[in-house]
Amino acid sequence: MENKMPQEYKHEQTTEPENNSAPGFMRPLISAYGLPLHGMTAIPGKISGSLMIVDMIEDAIPLIHGPIGCAFQRKINPFRPYQIFYETPCTNMNDVDVVYGGEEKLEEGIKETYERYHPNLIVVITTCPSDLIGDDFGSVVKEAKGDVGCDVIYTAGDFVGRSKPIGQQDTLYAITDQMLCNGNGDLERNVGSVNIFTYQVHGIGSKVAEMASVLGEIGIGMNKIFFDHTVVKDLYDLPKADLTITNTKMVWTELMKKRFNVDHYELMSFDRYVKTRDPELLNPYGIEGAARVFMEIAERLDMEGEAEEVIARRKNDALQRLSRITKDLAGKKIVGMSPAMLRDTGMKTSVIIHRTQGMEKRLTKDAINERLDMNVELARRYGSDPEVLVNPTFEEEVRAIKRTGTDIVFSSGATAHRYNKEGIRTFNFMDFMRFHQRVGFEPAIELAIQLRAALKRPQRKKNPLLGMLKYDTERPSLLPQWATLADVFGILRERAVGDKDSTEVCEL
């Protein structure tokens, strides 16, 4: 059996480095948020990320301090067709402002924005031109606040260093530093309560109804769930909580800890993973993941005694309901889903496809292998013995899928037709991640129900027009032209991030 794996790869768990603070694959991968285009325009970079945060505060309005093109970019290139930022007032900087400074235009823009929209908060978002000429944003904002009837803050993209995604992190830090820390210092504490931060990035679940229900049954109060119909007044209540729950580490929560002694808890703990190399700490999903998360939150609030009975009861109820579904799934073979997501279904990982081309420009060989080791370790931990293919062609992948008797392949909607044409069933995991994946006991049941339905669908050999296209041999999901563009941007990424073998890491 030919296995196209790099010569230096050994099919065993990567030895833990002597220095436990070594970055592994997580730190360099997170630094990808700082890459050209991807980090500054396509995902929550400086302007777009700030706009996303402001857009989720119902009575806030952004003011972009820069040329008109900076304000129009998100209208030309929205994240989703339905996710357009309709209100993006702009100071409309021109050549004269670049030469003589844009502070006067910024002050006028703040006043005009208030007169037109009457918000409770104006968030000034600076741009490359206004940053480069050195406008004193802080002084202008302070001066203009006296002339308008609302809060005014600014976000320049440089408050949080290299923490990513920068636009989101920077704006939340600005809100904390410039608003909350200057507010009423005598807030009455909402003892035993938490804030839940629900912002969604890369499929991280933003639905928190079940989490709030479980924590509430334990006796943990909900101080604020944001952003969920959040208004400016709600932001000022954030320091009343004892704990803020976020998806990953965020700089603004560290400032909340420092200024208000509001502790923070991350659902996916990269810091703890770096120390322990336990991949379970990166998976808050599924029944076991949810039980661990709820208990850890309770322990932070010294309520583990109250939590034990609630978590055990909820967990047992979910397992009983799940058992009625998984009898149709047990032993079925699957490709393309993280083994940790399948542990509740009883399904087996038959083949692990490990593609390195997109990582080779920004991760070391050891880091790339560590990602593979993690998936192989989890698969074996949950009773699978998968075949491993590294950078296979599509034909090699199909042969392995059929040889192992795989029942279903997790695939995005864009690539499913290629498997369907070969008579292979597919499951759209992107839809599940976007609409169903979240922390709680229920998603495991929802996943099992959807998988059972997918397995009952008849196999169909479809050959649509998309099947007539030629695809790149190394990256089967891309057309040759797009693969070439990926190579071009790979070179840019390497130049921007630095030598791929460098041990330098960025702060998360």
Protein backbone atom coordinates (compact mmCIF):
# COMPACT_ATOMS: atom_id res chain seq x y z
CA MET A 1 0.00 0.00 0.00
CA GLU A 2 1.70 3.17 -1.15
CA ASN A 3 1.56 5.96 1.38
CA LYS A 4 2.82 9.28 0.08
CA MET A 5 4.07 10.67 3.37
CA PRO A 6 7.10 12.93 3.83
CA GLN A 7 10.20 10.96 4.63
CA GLU A 8 10.71 12.77 7.95
CA TYR A 9 7.19 11.96 9.16
CA LYS A 10 6.79 9.11 11.63
CA HIS A 11 3.33 7.75 12.24
CA GLU A 12 3.42 8.30 15.98
CA GLN A 13 2.70 11.12 18.38
CA THR A 14 5.13 13.99 18.10
CA THR A 15 7.59 14.02 20.99
CA GLU A 16 6.87 16.85 23.36
CA PRO A 17 9.59 19.48 23.01
CA GLU A 18 11.88 20.24 25.93
CA ASN A 19 10.52 23.76 26.07
CA ASN A 20 6.82 23.43 26.82
CA SER A 21 6.23 26.94 25.53
CA ALA A 22 7.28 25.89 22.03
CA PRO A 23 4.65 27.06 19.56
CA GLY A 24 3.69 23.83 17.81
CA PHE A 25 1.21 24.39 15.02
CA MET A 26 -1.32 26.64 16.78
CA ARG A 27 0.66 29.86 17.19
CA PRO A 28 2.00 30.03 13.62
CA LEU A 29 -1.40 29.09 12.25
CA ILE A 30 -3.08 31.87 14.19
CA SER A 31 -0.51 34.30 12.81
CA ALA A 32 -2.09 33.66 9.42
CA TYR A 33 -4.64 36.29 10.43
CA GLY A 34 -1.90 38.84 9.79
CA LEU A 35 -1.29 37.76 6.21
CA PRO A 36 -1.72 40.15 3.28
CA LEU A 37 -5.28 40.47 1.99
CA HIS A 38 -6.59 37.57 4.08
CA GLY A 39 -5.81 39.30 7.33
CA MET A 40 -6.47 42.91 6.43
CA THR A 41 -9.41 42.82 4.01
CA ALA A 42 -11.02 39.41 3.63
CA ILE A 43 -11.60 38.41 7.27
CA PRO A 44 -11.96 40.48 10.44
CA GLY A 45 -8.93 42.64 9.71
CA LYS A 46 -8.59 46.24 10.78
CA ILE A 47 -11.52 47.92 9.00
CA SER A 48 -13.80 44.97 8.30
CA GLY A 49 -13.39 43.49 11.78
CA SER A 50 -14.16 46.82 13.41
CA LEU A 51 -17.23 47.23 11.24
CA MET A 52 -18.49 43.82 12.32
CA ILE A 53 -18.27 44.70 16.01
CA VAL A 54 -19.90 48.11 15.57
CA ASP A 55 -22.64 46.60 13.41
CA MET A 56 -23.60 44.27 16.28
CA ILE A 57 -24.21 47.21 18.65
CA GLU A 58 -27.67 48.37 17.73
CA ASP A 59 -27.30 52.05 18.67
CA ALA A 60 -23.70 52.52 17.47
CA ILE A 61 -22.43 53.85 14.16
CA PRO A 62 -18.95 53.66 12.56
CA LEU A 63 -17.09 56.60 11.10
CA ILE A 64 -14.29 55.64 8.73
CA HIS A 65 -11.49 58.20 8.76
CA GLY A 66 -10.02 57.76 5.30
CA PRO A 67 -10.75 57.88 1.57
CA ILE A 68 -14.21 56.99 0.33
CA GLY A 69 -12.94 53.70 -1.09
CA CYS A 70 -12.24 52.41 2.41
CA ALA A 71 -15.91 52.88 3.29
CA PHE A 72 -17.15 51.33 0.07
CA GLN A 73 -14.97 48.23 0.12
CA ARG A 74 -17.34 46.11 2.20
CA LYS A 75 -20.17 46.96 -0.18
CA ILE A 76 -18.15 45.67 -3.13
CA ASN A 77 -16.79 42.63 -1.28
CA PRO A 78 -19.17 41.62 1.54
CA PHE A 79 -18.49 38.51 3.61
CA ARG A 80 -21.90 37.17 2.62
CA PRO A 81 -24.50 38.54 0.15
CA TYR A 82 -26.73 39.23 3.14
CA GLN A 83 -23.96 40.71 5.31
CA ILE A 84 -23.54 44.19 3.91
CA PHE A 85 -22.67 47.19 6.07
CA TYR A 86 -25.26 49.69 4.96
CA GLU A 87 -24.22 52.63 7.10
CA THR A 88 -20.52 53.45 6.63
CA PRO A 89 -20.10 57.23 6.93
CA CYS A 90 -16.65 58.40 5.94
CA THR A 91 -14.54 61.56 6.30
CA ASN A 92 -13.60 61.26 2.60
CA MET A 93 -9.94 62.16 2.95
CA ASN A 94 -8.28 63.47 -0.22
CA ASP A 95 -4.78 64.44 -1.36
CA VAL A 96 -4.93 67.81 0.39
CA ASP A 97 -5.83 66.15 3.70
CA VAL A 98 -2.93 63.75 3.35
CA VAL A 99 -0.55 66.70 2.98
CA TYR A 100 -2.02 69.06 5.58
CA GLY A 101 -3.59 66.56 7.98
CA GLY A 102 -7.09 65.23 8.43
CA GLU A 103 -7.83 66.19 12.04
CA GLU A 104 -10.18 69.03 11.15
CA LYS A 105 -12.08 66.81 8.74
CA LEU A 106 -12.34 64.10 11.41
CA GLU A 107 -13.81 66.51 13.94
CA GLU A 108 -16.33 67.72 11.37
CA GLY A 109 -17.14 64.11 10.47
CA ILE A 110 -17.91 63.21 14.09
CA LYS A 111 -20.32 66.15 14.40
CA GLU A 112 -22.01 65.41 11.07
CA THR A 113 -22.35 61.71 11.90
CA TYR A 114 -24.08 62.55 15.18
CA GLU A 115 -26.42 65.07 13.55
CA ARG A 116 -27.46 62.57 10.89
CA TYR A 117 -27.76 59.32 12.87
CA HIS A 118 -28.11 60.39 16.53
CA PRO A 119 -26.36 57.24 17.83
CA ASN A 120 -25.33 56.52 21.40
CA LEU A 121 -21.83 55.61 20.25
CA ILE A 122 -19.61 56.68 17.35
CA VAL A 123 -16.61 54.43 16.65
CA VAL A 124 -13.93 56.14 14.57
CA ILE A 125 -12.11 53.58 12.43
CA THR A 126 -8.79 54.83 11.12
CA THR A 127 -7.30 53.76 7.78
CA CYS A 128 -3.84 53.49 6.26
CA PRO A 129 -3.71 57.15 5.02
CA SER A 130 -4.81 58.64 8.34
CA ASP A 131 -2.44 56.33 10.22
CA LEU A 132 0.55 57.17 8.04
CA ILE A 133 0.21 60.96 8.31
CA GLY A 134 0.03 60.75 12.11
CA ASP A 135 -3.32 62.36 12.92
CA ASP A 136 -3.85 62.71 16.68
CA PHE A 137 -7.05 60.70 16.90
CA GLY A 138 -7.23 60.72 20.68
CA SER A 139 -7.14 64.51 20.97
CA VAL A 140 -9.68 65.01 18.19
CA VAL A 141 -12.08 62.47 19.69
CA LYS A 142 -11.74 64.04 23.14
CA GLU A 143 -12.42 67.48 21.71
CA ALA A 144 -15.39 66.36 19.60
CA LYS A 145 -17.07 64.46 22.46
CA GLY A 146 -17.94 67.76 24.07
CA ASP A 147 -19.93 68.79 21.00
CA VAL A 148 -22.05 65.66 20.55
CA GLY A 149 -24.49 63.86 22.80
CA CYS A 150 -22.97 60.39 22.66
CA ASP A 151 -19.86 58.36 23.41
CA VAL A 152 -17.03 58.61 20.88
CA ILE A 153 -14.05 56.25 20.72
CA TYR A 154 -11.48 55.38 18.08
CA THR A 155 -9.84 52.15 16.97
CA ALA A 156 -6.53 52.35 15.14
CA GLY A 157 -5.51 48.71 14.91
CA ASP A 158 -2.49 49.15 17.17
CA PHE A 159 -3.90 48.69 20.68
CA VAL A 160 -3.45 44.91 20.84
CA GLY A 161 -0.09 44.38 19.14
CA ARG A 162 -0.11 41.25 17.00
CA SER A 163 -3.21 39.71 18.55
CA LYS A 164 -5.54 38.44 15.86
CA PRO A 165 -8.05 38.96 14.35
CA ILE A 166 -6.91 42.52 14.75
CA GLY A 167 -10.05 44.51 13.87
CA GLN A 168 -12.25 42.61 16.27
CA GLN A 169 -9.71 42.54 19.09
CA ASP A 170 -8.75 46.19 18.69
CA THR A 171 -12.32 47.52 18.70
CA LEU A 172 -13.30 45.51 21.77
CA TYR A 173 -10.15 46.72 23.52
CA ALA A 174 -11.00 50.33 22.59
CA ILE A 175 -14.53 49.92 24.00
CA THR A 176 -13.12 48.54 27.25
CA ASP A 177 -10.32 51.08 27.60
CA GLN A 178 -12.00 54.26 26.38
CA MET A 179 -15.57 53.63 27.59
CA LEU A 180 -15.88 51.09 30.37
CA CYS A 181 -12.73 52.09 32.22
CA ASN A 182 -13.87 55.72 32.19
CA GLY A 183 -17.36 54.93 33.41
CA ASN A 184 -18.83 54.57 36.87
CA GLY A 185 -16.23 52.93 39.08
CA ASP A 186 -18.78 52.03 41.78
CA LEU A 187 -20.69 49.36 39.87
CA GLU A 188 -22.66 46.91 41.98
CA ARG A 189 -21.30 43.41 41.25
CA ASN A 190 -23.66 40.77 39.91
CA VAL A 191 -22.14 38.02 42.06
CA GLY A 192 -21.91 34.55 40.53
CA SER A 193 -22.75 35.72 37.02
CA VAL A 194 -21.03 35.48 33.64
CA ASN A 195 -20.83 37.32 30.36
CA ILE A 196 -21.03 35.12 27.25
CA PHE A 197 -19.34 36.50 24.16
CA THR A 198 -21.14 35.12 21.10
CA TYR A 199 -19.30 36.60 18.14
CA GLN A 200 -18.96 34.00 15.39
CA VAL A 201 -15.72 33.46 13.48
CA HIS A 202 -14.84 30.43 11.36
CA GLY A 203 -17.81 28.35 12.44
CA ILE A 204 -17.44 28.87 16.18
CA GLY A 205 -20.98 28.47 17.46
CA SER A 206 -22.75 31.63 18.50
CA LYS A 207 -25.97 30.00 19.74
CA VAL A 208 -25.84 29.98 23.52
CA ALA A 209 -29.37 29.12 24.63
CA GLU A 210 -28.41 25.66 25.88
CA MET A 211 -25.26 26.95 27.57
CA ALA A 212 -27.27 29.63 29.35
CA SER A 213 -29.86 27.01 30.38
CA VAL A 214 -27.30 24.61 31.86
CA LEU A 215 -25.39 27.35 33.67
CA GLY A 216 -28.65 28.80 34.96
CA GLU A 217 -29.71 25.43 36.35
CA ILE A 218 -26.37 25.21 38.14
CA GLY A 219 -27.11 28.60 39.70
CA ILE A 220 -24.79 30.70 37.55
CA GLY A 221 -26.46 33.92 36.47
CA MET A 222 -26.34 35.54 33.04
CA ASN A 223 -25.00 39.06 33.39
CA LYS A 224 -24.88 39.81 29.65
CA ILE A 225 -25.03 37.76 26.46
CA PHE A 226 -23.41 39.80 23.76
CA PHE A 227 -23.70 40.47 21.00
CA ASP A 228 -27.41 39.68 21.15
CA HIS A 229 -29.51 42.78 20.53
CA THR A 230 -26.77 44.61 22.41
CA VAL A 231 -26.99 48.36 22.98
CA VAL A 232 -24.40 50.74 24.42
CA LYS A 233 -25.98 50.62 27.88
CA ASP A 234 -25.38 46.85 27.95
CA LEU A 235 -21.65 47.38 27.41
CA TYR A 236 -21.38 49.42 30.59
CA ASP A 237 -22.85 46.47 32.51
CA LEU A 238 -20.11 44.03 31.44
CA PRO A 239 -17.85 44.77 34.46
CA LYS A 240 -20.61 43.59 36.81
CA ALA A 241 -19.92 39.92 36.02
CA ASP A 242 -17.45 37.61 37.76
CA LEU A 243 -16.39 35.85 34.55
CA THR A 244 -16.41 36.47 30.80
CA ILE A 245 -16.63 33.43 28.51
CA THR A 246 -15.08 33.75 25.05
CA ASN A 247 -14.27 31.33 22.25
CA THR A 248 -10.52 31.97 22.34
CA LYS A 249 -8.07 34.19 24.19
CA MET A 250 -8.84 37.91 23.79
CA VAL A 251 -6.79 40.89 24.89
CA TRP A 252 -9.76 42.98 26.00
CA THR A 253 -10.78 40.34 28.57
CA GLU A 254 -7.30 40.54 30.06
CA LEU A 255 -7.83 44.31 30.42
CA MET A 256 -11.18 43.59 32.11
CA LYS A 257 -9.34 41.32 34.52
CA LYS A 258 -6.76 44.00 35.25
CA ARG A 259 -9.13 46.95 35.64
CA PHE A 260 -12.28 45.31 37.06
CA ASN A 261 -11.10 41.92 38.31
CA VAL A 262 -13.51 40.19 35.91
CA ASP A 263 -11.95 36.80 35.20
CA HIS A 264 -12.02 35.21 31.73
CA TYR A 265 -12.45 31.67 30.42
CA GLU A 266 -11.67 30.47 26.88
CA LEU A 267 -13.66 27.60 25.39
CA MET A 268 -10.66 26.58 23.27
CA SER A 269 -7.55 26.93 25.39
CA PHE A 270 -4.51 27.27 23.14
CA ASP A 271 -2.28 28.15 26.09
CA ARG A 272 -3.22 24.98 27.94
CA TYR A 273 -2.76 22.93 24.79
CA VAL A 274 0.76 24.29 24.33
CA LYS A 275 1.58 23.14 27.88
CA THR A 276 -0.13 19.75 27.82
CA ARG A 277 -0.38 18.83 24.14
CA ASP A 278 -3.83 17.41 24.96
CA PRO A 279 -5.99 17.91 21.84
CA GLU A 280 -9.16 17.58 23.92
CA LEU A 281 -8.54 21.11 25.20
CA LEU A 282 -9.11 22.40 21.67
CA ASN A 283 -12.50 20.69 21.40
CA PRO A 284 -15.31 22.12 23.56
CA TYR A 285 -17.91 20.33 21.41
CA GLY A 286 -19.75 17.05 21.79
CA ILE A 287 -21.14 15.56 24.98
CA GLU A 288 -17.82 15.06 26.76
CA GLY A 289 -16.48 18.42 25.63
CA ALA A 290 -19.60 20.21 26.87
CA ALA A 291 -19.47 18.42 30.23
CA ARG A 292 -15.82 19.43 30.68
CA VAL A 293 -16.52 23.06 29.76
CA PHE A 294 -19.52 23.42 32.08
CA MET A 295 -17.56 21.94 34.98
CA GLU A 296 -14.55 24.19 34.35
CA ILE A 297 -16.79 27.26 34.30
CA ALA A 298 -18.41 26.15 37.56
CA GLU A 299 -14.98 25.59 39.13
CA ARG A 300 -13.97 29.15 38.25
CA LEU A 301 -16.96 30.35 40.28
CA ASP A 302 -16.48 27.83 43.11
CA MET A 303 -19.76 26.11 42.22
CA GLU A 304 -18.51 22.66 41.21
CA GLY A 305 -20.62 21.05 43.93
CA GLU A 306 -23.82 22.47 42.47
CA ALA A 307 -22.65 21.63 38.94
CA GLU A 308 -21.98 17.90 39.39
CA GLU A 309 -25.61 16.82 39.67
CA VAL A 310 -26.85 19.11 36.87
CA ILE A 311 -24.13 18.12 34.40
CA ALA A 312 -24.47 14.40 35.16
CA ARG A 313 -28.25 14.50 34.69
CA ARG A 314 -28.09 16.49 31.47
CA LYS A 315 -25.31 14.29 30.13
CA ASN A 316 -27.11 11.03 30.92
CA ASP A 317 -30.32 12.29 29.33
CA ALA A 318 -28.44 13.22 26.16
CA LEU A 319 -26.65 9.86 26.04
CA GLN A 320 -29.93 7.96 26.37
CA ARG A 321 -31.53 9.92 23.55
CA LEU A 322 -28.39 9.59 21.45
CA SER A 323 -28.27 5.81 21.91
CA ARG A 324 -31.58 5.45 20.05
CA ILE A 325 -29.99 7.06 16.99
CA THR A 326 -26.43 5.78 17.05
CA LYS A 327 -27.49 2.14 16.71
CA ASP A 328 -27.86 2.97 13.01
CA LEU A 329 -24.44 4.68 12.90
CA ALA A 330 -22.18 2.42 14.97
CA GLY A 331 -19.28 1.09 12.92
CA LYS A 332 -20.05 3.18 9.84
CA LYS A 333 -16.91 4.53 8.23
CA ILE A 334 -16.38 8.18 7.48
CA VAL A 335 -13.76 10.49 5.96
CA GLY A 336 -13.17 14.19 6.50
CA MET A 337 -14.49 14.89 9.98
CA SER A 338 -12.36 15.49 13.05
CA PRO A 339 -12.31 12.25 15.08
CA ALA A 340 -13.20 14.26 18.18
CA MET A 341 -16.51 15.26 16.57
CA LEU A 342 -17.40 11.62 15.86
CA ARG A 343 -16.78 10.12 19.28
CA ASP A 344 -20.45 10.42 20.28
CA THR A 345 -21.77 8.69 17.14
CA GLY A 346 -19.83 5.43 17.28
CA MET A 347 -18.64 5.96 13.71
CA LYS A 348 -15.08 5.21 12.63
CA THR A 349 -12.54 7.29 10.75
CA SER A 350 -11.43 5.13 7.83
CA VAL A 351 -9.07 7.52 6.02
CA ILE A 352 -7.31 10.69 7.14
CA ILE A 353 -6.46 13.03 4.26
CA HIS A 354 -3.62 15.35 5.24
CA ARG A 355 -2.90 18.18 2.80
CA THR A 356 0.16 20.26 3.53
CA GLN A 357 0.42 22.58 0.52
CA GLY A 358 -1.51 25.40 2.13
CA MET A 359 0.53 25.16 5.34
CA GLU A 360 4.07 24.76 4.05
CA LYS A 361 4.58 28.52 3.59
CA ARG A 362 3.79 29.39 7.20
CA LEU A 363 4.32 26.29 9.36
CA THR A 364 7.40 24.25 10.13
CA LYS A 365 7.54 20.59 9.15
CA ASP A 366 7.24 19.61 12.81
CA ALA A 367 4.14 21.76 13.19
CA ILE A 368 2.55 20.26 10.08
CA ASN A 369 3.23 16.76 11.38
CA GLU A 370 1.86 17.72 14.78
CA ARG A 371 -1.53 18.46 13.24
CA LEU A 372 -1.56 15.05 11.63
CA ASP A 373 -0.39 13.36 14.83
CA MET A 374 -3.25 15.00 16.69
CA ASN A 375 -5.90 13.60 14.34
CA VAL A 376 -4.32 10.14 14.28
CA GLU A 377 -4.08 10.08 18.08
CA LEU A 378 -7.73 11.09 18.48
CA ALA A 379 -8.88 8.55 15.89
CA ARG A 380 -7.08 5.74 17.70
CA ARG A 381 -8.33 6.99 21.06
CA TYR A 382 -11.90 6.58 19.83
CA GLY A 383 -11.41 3.13 18.34
CA SER A 384 -10.41 3.83 14.72
CA ASP A 385 -7.34 2.68 12.83
CA PRO A 386 -7.34 5.00 9.81
CA GLU A 387 -5.28 4.83 6.68
CA VAL A 388 -3.28 8.05 6.32
CA LEU A 389 -2.80 9.76 2.96
CA VAL A 390 -0.57 12.82 2.68
CA ASN A 391 -1.19 15.06 -0.34
CA PRO A 392 -2.92 12.38 -2.44
CA THR A 393 -4.37 13.00 -5.88
CA PHE A 394 -8.14 12.88 -6.10
CA GLU A 395 -7.92 9.50 -7.81
CA GLU A 396 -5.75 8.11 -4.97
CA GLU A 397 -8.21 9.50 -2.45
CA VAL A 398 -11.17 7.85 -4.17
CA ARG A 399 -9.37 4.50 -4.36
CA ALA A 400 -8.62 4.62 -0.62
CA ILE A 401 -12.22 5.56 0.20
CA LYS A 402 -13.56 2.63 -1.79
CA ARG A 403 -10.87 0.20 -0.60
CA THR A 404 -11.67 0.88 3.06
CA GLY A 405 -15.41 0.53 2.54
CA THR A 406 -16.12 4.11 3.56
CA ASP A 407 -19.82 4.91 3.90
CA ILE A 408 -19.80 8.70 3.70
CA VAL A 409 -17.41 11.62 3.10
CA PHE A 410 -17.62 14.97 4.80
CA SER A 411 -17.35 17.53 2.04
CA SER A 412 -18.27 21.12 1.37
CA GLY A 413 -21.03 21.87 -1.10
CA ALA A 414 -18.46 23.06 -3.62
CA THR A 415 -16.65 19.71 -3.86
CA ALA A 416 -19.42 17.19 -3.13
CA HIS A 417 -20.22 16.61 -6.80
CA ARG A 418 -16.80 15.07 -7.40
CA TYR A 419 -17.46 12.34 -4.84
CA ASN A 420 -21.10 11.91 -5.90
CA LYS A 421 -19.94 11.25 -9.45
CA GLU A 422 -17.92 8.32 -8.09
CA GLY A 423 -20.95 6.95 -6.26
CA ILE A 424 -19.77 8.17 -2.85
CA ARG A 425 -22.24 9.70 -0.41
CA THR A 426 -21.35 13.09 1.05
CA PHE A 427 -22.36 15.18 4.05
CA ASN A 428 -22.08 18.98 3.99
CA PHE A 429 -20.12 19.60 7.19
CA MET A 430 -19.90 23.35 6.52
CA ASP A 431 -23.65 23.68 6.91
CA PHE A 432 -23.54 21.79 10.20
CA MET A 433 -20.69 23.94 11.52
CA ARG A 434 -22.42 27.14 10.49
CA PHE A 435 -25.89 26.43 11.81
CA HIS A 436 -25.62 23.70 14.46
CA GLN A 437 -22.16 23.43 16.02
CA ARG A 438 -22.06 24.97 19.48
CA VAL A 439 -21.19 24.08 23.06
CA GLY A 440 -23.82 21.84 24.59
CA PHE A 441 -25.26 18.32 24.69
CA GLU A 442 -27.85 18.80 21.93
CA PRO A 443 -25.52 19.30 18.90
CA ALA A 444 -24.22 15.70 19.15
CA ILE A 445 -27.81 14.48 18.81
CA GLU A 446 -28.46 16.84 15.90
CA LEU A 447 -25.29 15.63 14.14
CA ALA A 448 -26.30 11.99 14.60
CA ILE A 449 -29.79 12.65 13.20
CA GLN A 450 -28.38 14.40 10.15
CA LEU A 451 -25.80 11.68 9.53
CA ARG A 452 -28.44 8.97 9.77
CA ALA A 453 -30.56 10.81 7.21
CA ALA A 454 -27.57 11.26 4.89
CA LEU A 455 -26.75 7.55 5.03
CA LYS A 456 -30.31 6.65 4.05
CA ARG A 457 -30.22 8.77 0.92
CA PRO A 458 -29.71 6.64 -2.20
CA GLN A 459 -26.32 6.84 -3.88
CA ARG A 460 -26.48 8.80 -7.09
CA LYS A 461 -23.82 9.16 -9.70
CA LYS A 462 -24.17 12.79 -10.69
CA ASN A 463 -22.20 14.34 -13.50
CA PRO A 464 -23.13 18.03 -13.57
CA LEU A 465 -21.37 20.67 -15.61
CA LEU A 466 -18.96 21.26 -12.71
CA GLY A 467 -17.75 17.71 -13.18
CA MET A 468 -16.45 18.61 -16.63
CA LEU A 469 -13.94 21.07 -15.20
CA LYS A 470 -10.29 20.18 -14.72
CA TYR A 471 -8.88 20.41 -11.21
CA ASP A 472 -5.37 20.84 -9.88
CA THR A 473 -3.65 17.54 -9.20
CA GLU A 474 -2.19 18.61 -5.84
CA ARG A 475 -5.19 20.58 -4.60
CA PRO A 476 -8.22 18.77 -5.95
CA SER A 477 -10.66 21.37 -4.66
CA LEU A 478 -9.10 24.13 -6.83
CA LEU A 479 -9.07 24.77 -10.55
CA PRO A 480 -5.52 25.09 -11.98
CA GLN A 481 -5.89 28.87 -12.28
CA TRP A 482 -6.89 29.23 -8.63
CA ALA A 483 -4.12 26.90 -7.55
CA THR A 484 -1.62 29.18 -9.32
CA LEU A 485 -3.06 32.20 -7.49
CA ALA A 486 -2.75 30.29 -4.23
CA ASP A 487 0.94 29.74 -4.98
CA VAL A 488 1.40 33.47 -5.64
CA PHE A 489 -0.19 34.42 -2.34
CA GLY A 490 1.80 31.69 -0.64
CA ILE A 491 4.97 33.52 -1.66
CA LEU A 492 3.52 36.79 -0.35
CA ARG A 493 2.60 35.12 2.93
CA GLU A 494 6.09 33.75 3.38
CA ARG A 495 7.56 37.22 2.84
CA ALA A 496 5.08 38.82 5.21
CA VAL A 497 5.22 36.33 8.07
CA GLY A 498 8.91 35.55 7.80
CA ASP A 499 10.93 32.40 7.38
CA LYS A 500 8.66 29.37 7.78
CA ASP A 501 11.25 27.68 9.99
CA SER A 502 11.41 30.63 12.38
CA THR A 503 10.45 29.93 15.97
CA GLU A 504 9.10 33.42 16.44
CA VAL A 505 5.46 33.33 17.52
CA CYS A 506 2.80 35.96 17.80
CA GLU A 507 0.58 36.58 20.76
CA LEU A 508 -2.88 35.12 20.28
